[in-house]
Amino acid sequence: MAITELRVRRGESQVTVASRVGCKEFYLRNVEQGKRNLTFDIMYAIVGYFDMLPMSKFWIFAESAAAQAARSSEFCAEIVSALT
């Protein structure tokens, strides 16, 4: 999710990011969808590409993005519950 967020904020496609970090587009797509795990080499390349070094900077961003997504999901569930 954090990788998708960073990529979308920059307005870049999966093809562009994948080619810049040295992986195939389908691999990056599967990572973004949670179907594959990142290798350390690709993770480091992605973090560097998005100027999130040291890597702890990326983890802080990822945790924040996950917390925001959780709050959004909870909010949507409350709205649906109120409407039904």
N, C-alpha and C. Protein backbone atom coordinates (compact mmCIF):
# COMPACT_ATOMS: atom_id res chain seq x y z
N MET A 1 0.81 -1.18 0.00
CA MET A 1 0.00 0.00 0.00
C MET A 1 0.87 1.26 0.00
N ALA A 2 1.93 1.27 0.80
CA ALA A 2 2.78 2.46 0.86
C ALA A 2 3.47 2.71 -0.47
N ILE A 3 3.86 1.65 -1.14
CA ILE A 3 4.51 1.81 -2.44
C ILE A 3 3.52 2.39 -3.44
N THR A 4 2.31 1.89 -3.44
CA THR A 4 1.28 2.42 -4.32
C THR A 4 1.05 3.90 -4.04
N GLU A 5 0.96 4.24 -2.77
CA GLU A 5 0.74 5.63 -2.37
C GLU A 5 1.85 6.54 -2.88
N LEU A 6 3.09 6.13 -2.70
CA LEU A 6 4.22 6.93 -3.17
C LEU A 6 4.21 7.06 -4.69
N ARG A 7 3.92 5.96 -5.36
CA ARG A 7 3.90 5.96 -6.83
C ARG A 7 2.81 6.87 -7.36
N VAL A 8 1.62 6.78 -6.79
CA VAL A 8 0.48 7.59 -7.24
C VAL A 8 0.74 9.08 -6.95
N ARG A 9 1.30 9.37 -5.80
CA ARG A 9 1.61 10.77 -5.47
C ARG A 9 2.54 11.40 -6.51
N ARG A 10 3.44 10.59 -7.05
CA ARG A 10 4.35 11.08 -8.08
C ARG A 10 3.74 11.06 -9.47
N GLY A 11 2.58 10.42 -9.59
CA GLY A 11 1.92 10.33 -10.89
C GLY A 11 2.63 9.40 -11.85
N GLU A 12 3.24 8.36 -11.31
CA GLU A 12 4.00 7.42 -12.14
C GLU A 12 3.27 6.09 -12.27
N SER A 13 3.48 5.45 -13.38
CA SER A 13 2.86 4.14 -13.63
C SER A 13 3.71 3.04 -12.99
N GLN A 14 3.10 1.87 -12.86
CA GLN A 14 3.85 0.71 -12.37
C GLN A 14 4.98 0.37 -13.33
N VAL A 15 4.73 0.53 -14.61
CA VAL A 15 5.76 0.23 -15.63
C VAL A 15 6.98 1.12 -15.42
N THR A 16 6.75 2.41 -15.20
CA THR A 16 7.85 3.36 -15.01
C THR A 16 8.65 3.02 -13.77
N VAL A 17 7.97 2.83 -12.64
CA VAL A 17 8.67 2.54 -11.39
C VAL A 17 9.42 1.21 -11.50
N ALA A 18 8.77 0.21 -12.04
CA ALA A 18 9.41 -1.10 -12.18
C ALA A 18 10.69 -1.01 -13.00
N SER A 19 10.63 -0.30 -14.11
CA SER A 19 11.83 -0.20 -14.95
C SER A 19 12.95 0.57 -14.25
N ARG A 20 12.59 1.55 -13.43
CA ARG A 20 13.61 2.35 -12.72
C ARG A 20 14.26 1.59 -11.57
N VAL A 21 13.52 0.64 -10.97
CA VAL A 21 14.07 -0.08 -9.82
C VAL A 21 14.58 -1.47 -10.16
N GLY A 22 14.39 -1.87 -11.42
CA GLY A 22 14.97 -3.14 -11.86
C GLY A 22 14.12 -4.37 -11.66
N CYS A 23 12.81 -4.21 -11.81
CA CYS A 23 11.95 -5.39 -11.73
C CYS A 23 10.90 -5.32 -12.85
N LYS A 24 10.16 -6.36 -13.00
CA LYS A 24 9.10 -6.41 -14.01
C LYS A 24 7.83 -5.76 -13.45
N GLU A 25 7.03 -5.22 -14.35
CA GLU A 25 5.79 -4.56 -13.94
C GLU A 25 4.85 -5.52 -13.23
N PHE A 26 4.73 -6.76 -13.71
CA PHE A 26 3.81 -7.70 -13.06
C PHE A 26 4.26 -8.02 -11.64
N TYR A 27 5.57 -8.01 -11.39
CA TYR A 27 6.08 -8.26 -10.04
C TYR A 27 5.68 -7.10 -9.12
N LEU A 28 5.89 -5.87 -9.58
CA LEU A 28 5.51 -4.71 -8.78
C LEU A 28 4.00 -4.68 -8.54
N ARG A 29 3.22 -5.00 -9.57
CA ARG A 29 1.76 -5.04 -9.42
C ARG A 29 1.37 -6.06 -8.35
N ASN A 30 1.99 -7.24 -8.38
CA ASN A 30 1.68 -8.27 -7.39
C ASN A 30 2.10 -7.84 -5.98
N VAL A 31 3.20 -7.12 -5.87
CA VAL A 31 3.63 -6.60 -4.56
C VAL A 31 2.60 -5.59 -4.06
N GLU A 32 2.19 -4.67 -4.92
CA GLU A 32 1.22 -3.66 -4.51
C GLU A 32 -0.12 -4.29 -4.12
N GLN A 33 -0.47 -5.40 -4.73
CA GLN A 33 -1.73 -6.07 -4.41
C GLN A 33 -1.60 -7.04 -3.24
N GLY A 34 -0.40 -7.15 -2.68
CA GLY A 34 -0.18 -8.04 -1.55
C GLY A 34 -0.06 -9.51 -1.92
N LYS A 35 0.17 -9.79 -3.18
CA LYS A 35 0.28 -11.17 -3.64
C LYS A 35 1.71 -11.70 -3.60
N ARG A 36 2.67 -10.79 -3.55
CA ARG A 36 4.09 -11.16 -3.51
C ARG A 36 4.78 -10.31 -2.46
N ASN A 37 5.87 -10.83 -1.93
CA ASN A 37 6.72 -10.08 -1.02
C ASN A 37 7.89 -9.49 -1.80
N LEU A 38 8.40 -8.39 -1.31
CA LEU A 38 9.56 -7.76 -1.93
C LEU A 38 10.83 -8.49 -1.55
N THR A 39 11.77 -8.56 -2.49
CA THR A 39 13.12 -8.97 -2.13
C THR A 39 13.80 -7.75 -1.51
N PHE A 40 14.83 -7.99 -0.75
CA PHE A 40 15.52 -6.87 -0.12
C PHE A 40 16.09 -5.93 -1.17
N ASP A 41 16.67 -6.48 -2.24
CA ASP A 41 17.28 -5.65 -3.28
C ASP A 41 16.26 -4.70 -3.91
N ILE A 42 15.08 -5.22 -4.24
CA ILE A 42 14.05 -4.38 -4.86
C ILE A 42 13.49 -3.40 -3.85
N MET A 43 13.31 -3.83 -2.62
CA MET A 43 12.83 -2.93 -1.57
C MET A 43 13.79 -1.76 -1.41
N TYR A 44 15.07 -2.04 -1.34
CA TYR A 44 16.07 -0.99 -1.19
C TYR A 44 16.06 -0.05 -2.39
N ALA A 45 15.91 -0.62 -3.59
CA ALA A 45 15.86 0.20 -4.81
C ALA A 45 14.64 1.11 -4.80
N ILE A 46 13.50 0.58 -4.38
CA ILE A 46 12.26 1.37 -4.32
C ILE A 46 12.39 2.49 -3.29
N VAL A 47 12.90 2.16 -2.13
CA VAL A 47 13.05 3.16 -1.08
C VAL A 47 14.00 4.27 -1.54
N GLY A 48 15.07 3.89 -2.21
CA GLY A 48 16.00 4.89 -2.75
C GLY A 48 15.36 5.72 -3.84
N TYR A 49 14.61 5.07 -4.71
CA TYR A 49 13.96 5.76 -5.82
C TYR A 49 13.00 6.85 -5.32
N PHE A 50 12.29 6.55 -4.25
CA PHE A 50 11.32 7.50 -3.71
C PHE A 50 11.94 8.41 -2.63
N ASP A 51 13.26 8.45 -2.57
CA ASP A 51 13.97 9.32 -1.63
C ASP A 51 13.54 9.09 -0.19
N MET A 52 13.43 7.83 0.19
CA MET A 52 12.99 7.49 1.55
C MET A 52 14.13 6.85 2.35
N LEU A 53 15.37 7.15 1.97
CA LEU A 53 16.50 6.64 2.74
C LEU A 53 16.81 7.63 3.85
N PRO A 54 17.17 7.23 5.04
CA PRO A 54 17.34 5.84 5.43
C PRO A 54 16.00 5.10 5.43
N MET A 55 16.08 3.79 5.38
CA MET A 55 14.88 2.97 5.23
C MET A 55 13.87 3.22 6.34
N SER A 56 14.31 3.65 7.50
CA SER A 56 13.38 3.94 8.59
C SER A 56 12.38 5.02 8.19
N LYS A 57 12.79 5.92 7.33
CA LYS A 57 11.89 6.97 6.83
C LYS A 57 10.72 6.34 6.08
N PHE A 58 11.01 5.29 5.30
CA PHE A 58 9.95 4.58 4.58
C PHE A 58 9.02 3.86 5.55
N TRP A 59 9.57 3.20 6.57
CA TRP A 59 8.73 2.45 7.51
C TRP A 59 7.80 3.38 8.26
N ILE A 60 8.26 4.55 8.61
CA ILE A 60 7.39 5.53 9.28
C ILE A 60 6.25 5.92 8.35
N PHE A 61 6.58 6.17 7.08
CA PHE A 61 5.56 6.50 6.09
C PHE A 61 4.56 5.34 5.93
N ALA A 62 5.07 4.11 5.83
CA ALA A 62 4.22 2.93 5.63
C ALA A 62 3.27 2.74 6.80
N GLU A 63 3.77 2.90 8.02
CA GLU A 63 2.92 2.75 9.20
C GLU A 63 1.83 3.82 9.22
N SER A 64 2.18 5.02 8.84
CA SER A 64 1.21 6.11 8.80
C SER A 64 0.14 5.84 7.75
N ALA A 65 0.55 5.35 6.57
CA ALA A 65 -0.40 5.05 5.50
C ALA A 65 -1.35 3.92 5.93
N ALA A 66 -0.81 2.91 6.60
CA ALA A 66 -1.65 1.80 7.06
C ALA A 66 -2.66 2.27 8.11
N ALA A 67 -2.23 3.12 9.03
CA ALA A 67 -3.14 3.64 10.06
C ALA A 67 -4.24 4.47 9.42
N GLN A 68 -3.89 5.28 8.44
CA GLN A 68 -4.88 6.10 7.75
C GLN A 68 -5.90 5.22 7.01
N ALA A 69 -5.42 4.16 6.36
CA ALA A 69 -6.32 3.25 5.65
C ALA A 69 -7.26 2.55 6.63
N ALA A 70 -6.75 2.18 7.79
CA ALA A 70 -7.59 1.53 8.80
C ALA A 70 -8.68 2.48 9.29
N ARG A 71 -8.31 3.73 9.52
CA ARG A 71 -9.32 4.71 9.96
C ARG A 71 -10.38 4.91 8.88
N SER A 72 -9.97 4.95 7.63
CA SER A 72 -10.92 5.12 6.53
C SER A 72 -11.87 3.94 6.45
N SER A 73 -11.34 2.73 6.61
CA SER A 73 -12.18 1.53 6.57
C SER A 73 -13.19 1.52 7.70
N GLU A 74 -12.74 1.89 8.89
CA GLU A 74 -13.64 1.95 10.05
C GLU A 74 -14.73 2.98 9.82
N PHE A 75 -14.37 4.12 9.28
CA PHE A 75 -15.32 5.19 9.01
C PHE A 75 -16.37 4.71 8.00
N CYS A 76 -15.93 4.05 6.93
CA CYS A 76 -16.86 3.53 5.91
C CYS A 76 -17.80 2.50 6.52
N ALA A 77 -17.27 1.64 7.37
CA ALA A 77 -18.09 0.61 8.02
C ALA A 77 -19.15 1.26 8.91
N GLU A 78 -18.80 2.33 9.60
CA GLU A 78 -19.76 3.03 10.44
C GLU A 78 -20.87 3.66 9.60
N ILE A 79 -20.53 4.22 8.47
CA ILE A 79 -21.53 4.83 7.59
C ILE A 79 -22.48 3.76 7.05
N VAL A 80 -21.93 2.65 6.58
CA VAL A 80 -22.76 1.58 6.05
C VAL A 80 -23.67 1.05 7.16
N SER A 81 -23.15 0.89 8.34
CA SER A 81 -23.95 0.40 9.48
C SER A 81 -25.08 1.37 9.80
N ALA A 82 -24.79 2.65 9.76
CA ALA A 82 -25.81 3.66 10.05
C ALA A 82 -26.90 3.70 8.98
N LEU A 83 -26.53 3.37 7.76
CA LEU A 83 -27.49 3.42 6.67
C LEU A 83 -28.35 2.17 6.54
N THR A 84 -27.94 1.10 7.22
CA THR A 84 -28.71 -0.14 7.09
C THR A 84 -29.53 -0.43 8.30
